[in-house]
PDB file of N, CA and C in Angstrom:
ATOM      1  N   MET A   1       0.941  -1.259   0.349  1.00  0.00           N
ATOM      2  CA  MET A   1       0.063   0.298   0.270  1.00  0.00           C
ATOM      3  C   MET A   1       0.764   1.043  -0.100  1.00  0.00           C
ATOM      4  N   TRP A   2       0.604   1.975  -0.732  1.00  0.00           N
ATOM      5  CA  TRP A   2       1.199   3.401  -0.603  1.00  0.00           C
ATOM      6  C   TRP A   2       0.201   4.627  -0.491  1.00  0.00           C
ATOM      7  N   SER A   3       1.129   5.771  -0.088  1.00  0.00           N
ATOM      8  CA  SER A   3       0.597   6.881   0.182  1.00  0.00           C
ATOM      9  C   SER A   3       0.743   7.849  -0.949  1.00  0.00           C
ATOM     10  N   HIS A   4      -0.790   8.127  -1.353  1.00  0.00           N
ATOM     11  CA  HIS A   4      -0.600   8.803  -2.495  1.00  0.00           C
ATOM     12  C   HIS A   4       0.256  10.293  -2.105  1.00  0.00           C
ATOM     13  N   ARG A   5       1.017  10.682  -2.772  1.00  0.00           N
ATOM     14  CA  ARG A   5       1.398  11.890  -2.975  1.00  0.00           C
ATOM     15  C   ARG A   5       0.661  13.196  -2.776  1.00  0.00           C
ATOM     16  N   ALA A   6      -0.510  13.285  -3.417  1.00  0.00           N
ATOM     17  CA  ALA A   6      -1.447  14.254  -2.958  1.00  0.00           C
ATOM     18  C   ALA A   6      -1.694  14.541  -2.190  1.00  0.00           C
ATOM     19  N   VAL A   7      -1.903  13.290  -1.006  1.00  0.00           N
ATOM     20  CA  VAL A   7      -2.179  13.590   0.250  1.00  0.00           C
ATOM     21  C   VAL A   7      -0.878  14.099   1.333  1.00  0.00           C
ATOM     22  N   VAL A   8       0.085  13.497   1.012  1.00  0.00           N
ATOM     23  CA  VAL A   8       1.293  13.527   1.465  1.00  0.00           C
ATOM     24  C   VAL A   8       1.536  15.168   1.600  1.00  0.00           C
ATOM     25  N   ARG A   9       1.720  15.907   0.123  1.00  0.00           N
ATOM     26  CA  ARG A   9       1.717  17.398  -0.158  1.00  0.00           C
ATOM     27  C   ARG A   9       0.605  18.060   0.511  1.00  0.00           C
ATOM     28  N   VAL A  10      -0.631  17.677   0.809  1.00  0.00           N
ATOM     29  CA  VAL A  10      -1.362  18.586   1.667  1.00  0.00           C
ATOM     30  C   VAL A  10      -1.261  18.466   2.692  1.00  0.00           C
ATOM     31  N   VAL A  11      -1.019  17.125   3.717  1.00  0.00           N
ATOM     32  CA  VAL A  11      -0.615  17.194   5.031  1.00  0.00           C
ATOM     33  C   VAL A  11       0.688  18.183   5.312  1.00  0.00           C
ATOM     34  N   THR A  12       1.485  17.956   4.695  1.00  0.00           N
ATOM     35  CA  THR A  12       2.890  18.818   4.536  1.00  0.00           C
ATOM     36  C   THR A  12       2.450  20.173   4.700  1.00  0.00           C
ATOM     37  N   GLU A  13       1.657  20.762   3.704  1.00  0.00           N
ATOM     38  CA  GLU A  13       1.299  21.930   3.730  1.00  0.00           C
ATOM     39  C   GLU A  13       0.447  22.412   4.944  1.00  0.00           C
ATOM     40  N   LEU A  14      -0.457  21.448   5.682  1.00  0.00           N
ATOM     41  CA  LEU A  14      -1.381  22.082   6.583  1.00  0.00           C
ATOM     42  C   LEU A  14      -0.015  21.744   7.961  1.00  0.00           C
ATOM     43  N   ILE A  15       0.607  21.021   7.957  1.00  0.00           N
ATOM     44  CA  ILE A  15       1.498  21.024   9.234  1.00  0.00           C
ATOM     45  C   ILE A  15       2.486  22.595   9.234  1.00  0.00           C
ATOM     46  N   ILE A  16       3.099  22.942   8.090  1.00  0.00           N
ATOM     47  CA  ILE A  16       3.582  23.955   7.901  1.00  0.00           C
ATOM     48  C   ILE A  16       2.823  25.147   8.335  1.00  0.00           C
ATOM     49  N   ASP A  17       1.393  25.146   7.566  1.00  0.00           N
ATOM     50  CA  ASP A  17       0.355  26.425   7.983  1.00  0.00           C
ATOM     51  C   ASP A  17       0.164  26.428   9.563  1.00  0.00           C
ATOM     52  N   ALA A  18      -0.094  25.473  10.508  1.00  0.00           N
ATOM     53  CA  ALA A  18       0.076  25.475  11.463  1.00  0.00           C
ATOM     54  C   ALA A  18       1.249  25.832  12.307  1.00  0.00           C
ATOM     55  N   GLY A  19       2.028  26.161  11.847  1.00  0.00           N
ATOM     56  CA  GLY A  19       3.507  26.739  12.208  1.00  0.00           C
ATOM     57  C   GLY A  19       4.663  26.252  12.767  1.00  0.00           C
ATOM     58  N   VAL A  20       4.717  24.549  12.139  1.00  0.00           N
ATOM     59  CA  VAL A  20       5.937  23.844  12.020  1.00  0.00           C
ATOM     60  C   VAL A  20       6.628  24.188  10.950  1.00  0.00           C
ATOM     61  N   SER A  21       7.837  24.252  11.534  1.00  0.00           N
ATOM     62  CA  SER A  21       9.153  24.677  10.400  1.00  0.00           C
ATOM     63  C   SER A  21       9.327  23.272   9.457  1.00  0.00           C
ATOM     64  N   ALA A  22       9.454  23.320   8.045  1.00  0.00           N
ATOM     65  CA  ALA A  22       9.160  22.550   7.279  1.00  0.00           C
ATOM     66  C   ALA A  22      10.627  21.760   7.437  1.00  0.00           C
ATOM     67  N   GLY A  23      11.717  22.266   8.004  1.00  0.00           N
ATOM     68  CA  GLY A  23      12.982  21.467   8.502  1.00  0.00           C
ATOM     69  C   GLY A  23      12.589  20.574   9.628  1.00  0.00           C
ATOM     70  N   ASP A  24      11.374  20.625  10.332  1.00  0.00           N
ATOM     71  CA  ASP A  24      11.410  19.638  11.154  1.00  0.00           C
ATOM     72  C   ASP A  24      10.483  18.758  10.932  1.00  0.00           C
ATOM     73  N   ILE A  25       9.719  18.564   9.765  1.00  0.00           N
ATOM     74  CA  ILE A  25       9.098  17.615   9.449  1.00  0.00           C
ATOM     75  C   ILE A  25       9.745  16.194   8.630  1.00  0.00           C
ATOM     76  N   ILE A  26       9.383  15.236   9.187  1.00  0.00           N
ATOM     77  CA  ILE A  26      10.108  14.040   8.641  1.00  0.00           C
ATOM     78  C   ILE A  26       8.840  13.378   7.716  1.00  0.00           C
ATOM     79  N   ILE A  27       9.059  13.164   6.478  1.00  0.00           N
ATOM     80  CA  ILE A  27       8.015  11.996   5.462  1.00  0.00           C
ATOM     81  C   ILE A  27       8.438  10.587   5.893  1.00  0.00           C
ATOM     82  N   ALA A  28       8.021   9.910   6.301  1.00  0.00           N
ATOM     83  CA  ALA A  28       8.401   8.551   6.684  1.00  0.00           C
ATOM     84  C   ALA A  28       7.847   7.895   5.492  1.00  0.00           C
ATOM     85  N   GLU A  29       8.282   6.898   4.851  1.00  0.00           N
ATOM     86  CA  GLU A  29       7.886   5.966   3.836  1.00  0.00           C
ATOM     87  C   GLU A  29       8.791   4.838   3.784  1.00  0.00           C
ATOM     88  N   SER A  30       7.961   3.708   3.505  1.00  0.00           N
ATOM     89  CA  SER A  30       8.907   2.303   3.373  1.00  0.00           C
ATOM     90  C   SER A  30       8.678   2.240   2.264  1.00  0.00           C
ATOM     91  N   LEU A  31      10.085   2.491   1.520  1.00  0.00           N
ATOM     92  CA  LEU A  31      10.038   2.570  -0.087  1.00  0.00           C
ATOM     93  C   LEU A  31      10.663   1.110  -0.405  1.00  0.00           C
ATOM     94  N   GLY A  32      10.869   0.085   0.596  1.00  0.00           N
ATOM     95  CA  GLY A  32      10.813  -1.354  -0.012  1.00  0.00           C
ATOM     96  C   GLY A  32      12.457  -1.750  -0.768  1.00  0.00           C
ATOM     97  N   SER A  33      12.156  -1.898  -2.255  1.00  0.00           N
ATOM     98  CA  SER A  33      13.057  -2.216  -2.917  1.00  0.00           C
ATOM     99  C   SER A  33      13.378  -1.337  -3.949  1.00  0.00           C
ATOM    100  N   TYR A  34      14.877  -1.559  -4.633  1.00  0.00           N
ATOM    101  CA  TYR A  34      15.160  -0.621  -5.094  1.00  0.00           C
ATOM    102  C   TYR A  34      14.287  -0.123  -6.475  1.00  0.00           C
ATOM    103  N   ASP A  35      13.351  -1.090  -6.775  1.00  0.00           N
ATOM    104  CA  ASP A  35      12.725  -0.403  -7.801  1.00  0.00           C
ATOM    105  C   ASP A  35      11.565   0.771  -7.153  1.00  0.00           C
ATOM    106  N   SER A  36      11.286   0.664  -5.715  1.00  0.00           N
ATOM    107  CA  SER A  36      10.566   1.642  -5.651  1.00  0.00           C
ATOM    108  C   SER A  36      11.184   3.105  -5.546  1.00  0.00           C
ATOM    109  N   PHE A  37      12.461   3.277  -5.977  1.00  0.00           N
ATOM    110  CA  PHE A  37      13.030   4.746  -6.095  1.00  0.00           C
ATOM    111  C   PHE A  37      12.550   4.900  -7.574  1.00  0.00           C
ATOM    112  N   ARG A  38      12.242   4.060  -8.264  1.00  0.00           N
ATOM    113  CA  ARG A  38      11.853   4.640  -9.433  1.00  0.00           C
ATOM    114  C   ARG A  38      10.150   4.813  -9.832  1.00  0.00           C
ATOM    115  N   ASN A  39       9.321   4.497  -8.965  1.00  0.00           N
ATOM    116  CA  ASN A  39       7.861   4.683  -8.711  1.00  0.00           C
ATOM    117  C   ASN A  39       7.201   6.117  -8.301  1.00  0.00           C
ATOM    118  N   SER A  40       6.233   6.579  -8.535  1.00  0.00           N
ATOM    119  CA  SER A  40       5.627   7.800  -8.627  1.00  0.00           C
ATOM    120  C   SER A  40       5.557   8.437  -7.033  1.00  0.00           C
ATOM    121  N   VAL A  41       5.300   7.014  -6.178  1.00  0.00           N
ATOM    122  CA  VAL A  41       5.339   7.666  -4.938  1.00  0.00           C
ATOM    123  C   VAL A  41       6.417   8.148  -4.270  1.00  0.00           C
ATOM    124  N   TYR A  42       7.482   7.497  -4.811  1.00  0.00           N
ATOM    125  CA  TYR A  42       8.868   7.886  -4.240  1.00  0.00           C
ATOM    126  C   TYR A  42       9.109   9.111  -4.974  1.00  0.00           C
ATOM    127  N   GLN A  43       8.826   9.312  -5.979  1.00  0.00           N
ATOM    128  CA  GLN A  43       9.223  10.766  -6.872  1.00  0.00           C
ATOM    129  C   GLN A  43       8.444  11.656  -6.346  1.00  0.00           C
ATOM    130  N   GLY A  44       7.072  11.448  -6.016  1.00  0.00           N
ATOM    131  CA  GLY A  44       6.495  12.572  -5.407  1.00  0.00           C
ATOM    132  C   GLY A  44       6.821  12.782  -4.173  1.00  0.00           C
ATOM    133  N   CYS A  45       6.972  11.809  -2.996  1.00  0.00           N
ATOM    134  CA  CYS A  45       7.927  12.662  -1.948  1.00  0.00           C
ATOM    135  C   CYS A  45       9.045  13.274  -1.905  1.00  0.00           C
ATOM    136  N   MET A  46       9.830  12.639  -3.012  1.00  0.00           N
ATOM    137  CA  MET A  46      11.065  13.344  -3.196  1.00  0.00           C
ATOM    138  C   MET A  46      10.974  14.942  -3.597  1.00  0.00           C
ATOM    139  N   ASP A  47       9.885  15.476  -4.479  1.00  0.00           N
ATOM    140  CA  ASP A  47       9.456  16.596  -4.912  1.00  0.00           C
ATOM    141  C   ASP A  47       9.010  17.315  -3.730  1.00  0.00           C
ATOM    142  N   ILE A  48       8.233  16.757  -2.837  1.00  0.00           N
ATOM    143  CA  ILE A  48       7.822  17.254  -1.664  1.00  0.00           C
ATOM    144  C   ILE A  48       8.804  17.825  -0.857  1.00  0.00           C
ATOM    145  N   LYS A  49       9.962  16.758  -0.619  1.00  0.00           N
ATOM    146  CA  LYS A  49      11.244  17.136   0.011  1.00  0.00           C
ATOM    147  C   LYS A  49      11.807  18.040  -0.384  1.00  0.00           C
ATOM    148  N   ASN A  50      12.063  18.014  -1.583  1.00  0.00           N
ATOM    149  CA  ASN A  50      12.974  19.100  -2.185  1.00  0.00           C
ATOM    150  C   ASN A  50      12.143  20.426  -2.461  1.00  0.00           C
ATOM    151  N   TYR A  51      11.026  20.572  -2.357  1.00  0.00           N
ATOM    152  CA  TYR A  51      10.120  21.995  -2.465  1.00  0.00           C
ATOM    153  C   TYR A  51       9.865  22.391  -0.975  1.00  0.00           C
ATOM    154  N   TYR A  52       9.677  21.925  -0.091  1.00  0.00           N
ATOM    155  CA  TYR A  52       9.434  22.454   0.982  1.00  0.00           C
ATOM    156  C   TYR A  52      10.756  22.166   2.101  1.00  0.00           C
ATOM    157  N   GLY A  53      11.565  21.712   1.640  1.00  0.00           N
ATOM    158  CA  GLY A  53      12.585  21.268   2.618  1.00  0.00           C
ATOM    159  C   GLY A  53      12.517  20.394   3.805  1.00  0.00           C
ATOM    160  N   CYS A  54      11.545  19.472   3.622  1.00  0.00           N
ATOM    161  CA  CYS A  54      11.471  18.355   4.715  1.00  0.00           C
ATOM    162  C   CYS A  54      12.672  17.248   4.697  1.00  0.00           C
ATOM    163  N   GLU A  55      12.347  16.428   5.625  1.00  0.00           N
ATOM    164  CA  GLU A  55      13.304  15.102   5.474  1.00  0.00           C
ATOM    165  C   GLU A  55      12.511  14.055   4.944  1.00  0.00           C
ATOM    166  N   LEU A  56      13.053  13.274   3.779  1.00  0.00           N
ATOM    167  CA  LEU A  56      12.414  11.862   3.842  1.00  0.00           C
ATOM    168  C   LEU A  56      13.366  10.567   4.489  1.00  0.00           C
ATOM    169  N   MET A  57      12.386   9.889   4.996  1.00  0.00           N
ATOM    170  CA  MET A  57      13.336   8.674   6.115  1.00  0.00           C
ATOM    171  C   MET A  57      12.475   7.560   5.049  1.00  0.00           C
ATOM    172  N   ASP A  58      13.416   6.705   4.819  1.00  0.00           N
ATOM    173  CA  ASP A  58      13.192   5.198   4.294  1.00  0.00           C
ATOM    174  C   ASP A  58      12.958   4.265   5.434  1.00  0.00           C
ATOM    175  N   ILE A  59      11.681   4.374   6.113  1.00  0.00           N
ATOM    176  CA  ILE A  59      11.643   3.377   7.237  1.00  0.00           C
ATOM    177  C   ILE A  59      11.753   1.993   6.867  1.00  0.00           C
ATOM    178  N   SER A  60      11.856   1.213   6.048  1.00  0.00           N
ATOM    179  CA  SER A  60      12.370   0.053   5.782  1.00  0.00           C
ATOM    180  C   SER A  60      13.906  -0.288   5.842  1.00  0.00           C
ATOM    181  N   LYS A  61      14.798   0.844   6.239  1.00  0.00           N
ATOM    182  CA  LYS A  61      15.956   0.498   6.383  1.00  0.00           C
ATOM    183  C   LYS A  61      16.321   0.615   7.784  1.00  0.00           C
ATOM    184  N   GLY A  62      17.820   0.502   7.842  1.00  0.00           N
ATOM    185  CA  GLY A  62      18.337   0.782   9.419  1.00  0.00           C
ATOM    186  C   GLY A  62      17.696  -0.339  10.518  1.00  0.00           C
ATOM    187  N   SER A  63      17.965   0.296  11.536  1.00  0.00           N
ATOM    188  CA  SER A  63      17.820  -0.584  12.814  1.00  0.00           C
ATOM    189  C   SER A  63      16.339  -0.347  13.621  1.00  0.00           C
ATOM    190  N   PHE A  64      15.778  -0.933  14.239  1.00  0.00           N
ATOM    191  CA  PHE A  64      14.672  -0.705  14.971  1.00  0.00           C
ATOM    192  C   PHE A  64      15.022  -1.202  16.173  1.00  0.00           C
ATOM    193  N   VAL A  65      14.386  -0.503  16.941  1.00  0.00           N
ATOM    194  CA  VAL A  65      14.494  -0.621  18.615  1.00  0.00           C
ATOM    195  C   VAL A  65      13.118  -0.916  19.284  1.00  0.00           C
ATOM    196  N   GLU A  66      12.958  -2.121  20.152  1.00  0.00           N
ATOM    197  CA  GLU A  66      11.719  -2.352  20.606  1.00  0.00           C
ATOM    198  C   GLU A  66      11.382  -2.088  21.835  1.00  0.00           C
ATOM    199  N   ILE A  67      10.420  -1.277  21.839  1.00  0.00           N
ATOM    200  CA  ILE A  67       9.949  -0.175  23.233  1.00  0.00           C
ATOM    201  C   ILE A  67       8.821  -1.114  23.989  1.00  0.00           C
ATOM    202  N   SER A  68       8.794  -1.510  25.205  1.00  0.00           N
ATOM    203  CA  SER A  68       7.920  -1.662  25.915  1.00  0.00           C
ATOM    204  C   SER A  68       6.883  -0.854  26.098  1.00  0.00           C
ATOM    205  N   ILE A  69       5.541  -1.204  25.853  1.00  0.00           N
ATOM    206  CA  ILE A  69       4.792   0.172  26.533  1.00  0.00           C
ATOM    207  C   ILE A  69       3.718  -0.283  27.555  1.00  0.00           C
ATOM    208  N   GLY A  70       3.760  -1.578  28.056  1.00  0.00           N
ATOM    209  CA  GLY A  70       3.084  -2.069  29.013  1.00  0.00           C
ATOM    210  C   GLY A  70       1.794  -2.254  28.634  1.00  0.00           C
ATOM    211  N   GLY A  71       1.289  -3.227  29.660  1.00  0.00           N
ATOM    212  CA  GLY A  71      -0.422  -3.328  29.213  1.00  0.00           C
ATOM    213  C   GLY A  71      -0.545  -4.540  28.583  1.00  0.00           C
ATOM    214  N   GLY A  72       0.670  -5.113  27.679  1.00  0.00           N
ATOM    215  CA  GLY A  72       0.460  -6.233  26.777  1.00  0.00           C
ATOM    216  C   GLY A  72      -0.156  -6.099  25.415  1.00  0.00           C
ATOM    217  N   TYR A  73      -0.131  -4.783  25.116  1.00  0.00           N
ATOM    218  CA  TYR A  73      -0.572  -4.152  23.704  1.00  0.00           C
ATOM    219  C   TYR A  73       0.715  -4.037  22.777  1.00  0.00           C
TER     220      TYR A  73
END
């Protein structure tokens, strides 16, 4: 499932309009495989990143930390 770039753009604009600096916004997307970098969702996120100056994070790469939140959930 992919996030539509139009939704990402509008949410980014709303966050900026609310007073958050674009440099503090992180667009987190799971880009998956190398092929993902050629698809329109990735390109759309890159366009948003470049236009507004946000950060784009690929959450399918890197290390993860498990955090206990209690309550068995």
